[in-house]
Protein backbone atom coordinates (compact mmCIF):
# COMPACT_ATOMS: atom_id res chain seq x y z
CA MET A 1 25.70 -29.36 42.57
CA GLN A 2 27.96 -28.13 45.36
CA ALA A 3 29.99 -30.81 47.17
CA GLY A 4 28.26 -32.08 50.29
CA LYS A 5 24.87 -30.67 49.32
CA LYS A 6 21.98 -33.12 49.31
CA THR A 7 19.58 -32.36 46.48
CA GLN A 8 17.23 -35.32 46.62
CA THR A 9 15.18 -37.00 49.32
CA THR A 10 13.42 -40.35 49.39
CA ARG A 11 10.24 -40.97 51.30
CA LEU A 12 8.13 -44.07 51.84
CA LYS A 13 4.94 -42.02 52.17
CA ASP A 14 3.71 -39.35 49.78
CA PRO A 15 5.43 -36.09 50.83
CA ARG A 16 3.00 -33.24 50.85
CA VAL A 17 4.97 -31.02 48.52
CA LYS A 18 4.19 -29.68 45.07
CA VAL A 19 6.55 -29.34 42.14
CA GLY A 20 7.56 -25.69 41.92
CA GLY A 21 6.73 -25.07 45.58
CA VAL A 22 9.18 -23.43 47.96
CA TYR A 23 9.54 -24.89 51.46
CA SER A 24 11.51 -24.09 54.61
CA VAL A 25 13.85 -26.85 55.76
CA ARG A 26 15.38 -27.75 59.09
CA ARG A 27 18.07 -30.13 60.21
CA SER A 28 15.90 -31.96 62.74
CA TRP A 29 12.22 -32.71 63.13
CA TYR A 30 12.48 -31.73 66.80
CA LYS A 31 14.29 -28.45 66.36
CA LYS A 32 11.97 -25.85 64.94
CA GLU A 33 14.70 -23.56 63.59
CA ASN A 34 14.80 -23.35 59.78
CA PHE A 35 18.15 -23.16 58.02
CA GLY A 36 17.01 -22.36 54.48
CA LYS A 37 14.51 -22.89 51.71
CA ILE A 38 14.24 -25.34 48.85
CA ARG A 39 12.29 -25.38 45.59
CA ILE A 40 10.86 -28.74 44.52
CA LEU A 41 11.98 -29.61 40.99
CA SER A 42 10.36 -33.03 40.62
CA LYS A 43 8.40 -35.61 42.56
CA GLU A 44 7.80 -39.13 41.35
CA ARG A 45 6.65 -42.54 42.59
CA THR A 46 9.19 -45.25 41.74
CA THR A 47 11.18 -48.13 43.25
CA LEU A 48 14.79 -48.26 44.43
CA ALA A 49 15.52 -50.67 41.57
CA HIS A 50 15.17 -47.69 39.24
CA TYR A 51 17.59 -45.45 41.17
CA THR A 52 20.60 -44.36 39.08
CA ARG A 53 24.08 -43.34 40.16
CA ALA A 54 22.93 -39.76 39.79
CA ASP A 55 20.08 -40.39 42.24
CA LEU A 56 22.52 -41.83 44.72
CA ARG A 57 24.87 -38.86 44.36
CA ARG A 58 21.95 -36.47 44.93
CA GLU A 59 21.12 -38.44 48.06
CA GLY A 60 24.75 -38.21 49.21
CA TYR A 61 25.71 -41.87 48.68
CA ALA A 62 28.13 -43.69 46.38
CA GLU A 63 26.66 -47.18 46.77
CA LYS A 64 23.02 -48.34 46.60
CA GLU A 65 23.56 -50.82 49.45
CA ALA A 66 24.70 -48.13 51.85
CA PHE A 67 21.75 -45.92 50.88
CA ILE A 68 19.26 -48.74 51.45
CA GLU A 69 20.84 -49.50 54.87
CA ALA A 70 20.47 -45.85 55.87
CA LEU A 71 16.86 -45.73 54.59
CA GLU A 72 16.03 -48.85 56.62
CA ARG A 73 17.59 -47.32 59.74
CA ILE A 74 15.74 -44.00 59.28
CA ASN A 75 12.38 -45.69 58.67
CA ASN A 76 12.91 -48.66 61.05
CA GLU A 77 11.75 -51.19 58.51
CA LYS A 78 13.12 -53.60 55.91
CA ILE A 79 13.31 -52.11 52.40
CA SER A 80 13.90 -53.96 49.15
CA LEU A 81 14.63 -52.83 45.60
CA ARG A 82 10.91 -53.31 44.87
CA THR A 83 9.68 -51.16 47.76
CA PRO A 84 7.59 -48.25 46.36
CA VAL A 85 9.13 -44.88 47.27
CA TRP A 86 8.72 -41.20 46.50
CA LYS A 87 11.76 -39.50 44.94
CA VAL A 88 11.83 -35.72 45.42
CA ILE A 89 14.53 -33.62 43.72
CA PHE A 90 15.04 -30.06 44.94
CA GLN A 91 17.34 -27.09 44.76
CA TYR A 92 18.51 -24.83 47.57
CA MET A 93 17.29 -21.27 47.33
CA THR A 94 19.62 -18.35 47.82
CA SER A 95 18.50 -15.45 49.95
């Protein structure tokens, strides 16, 4: 993994992506410009209690507490280690 590249995303609701699928990505929901494509490597339902250090690194975090705080801020709701989440691992596609 390249430094500074996020390769995992966590969602509270089932993301409508399929393993093996290629999707355009953008930096903001409001800006319609795409900046690249990703291929979905895996998608699984789990809880944050099962997140490993590798999961946190793919998310761009060193500590689970900081990651949960960010997830709460993004989703505007309280999240515990038992909260069900969707973990999606992806790779960036080259042109």
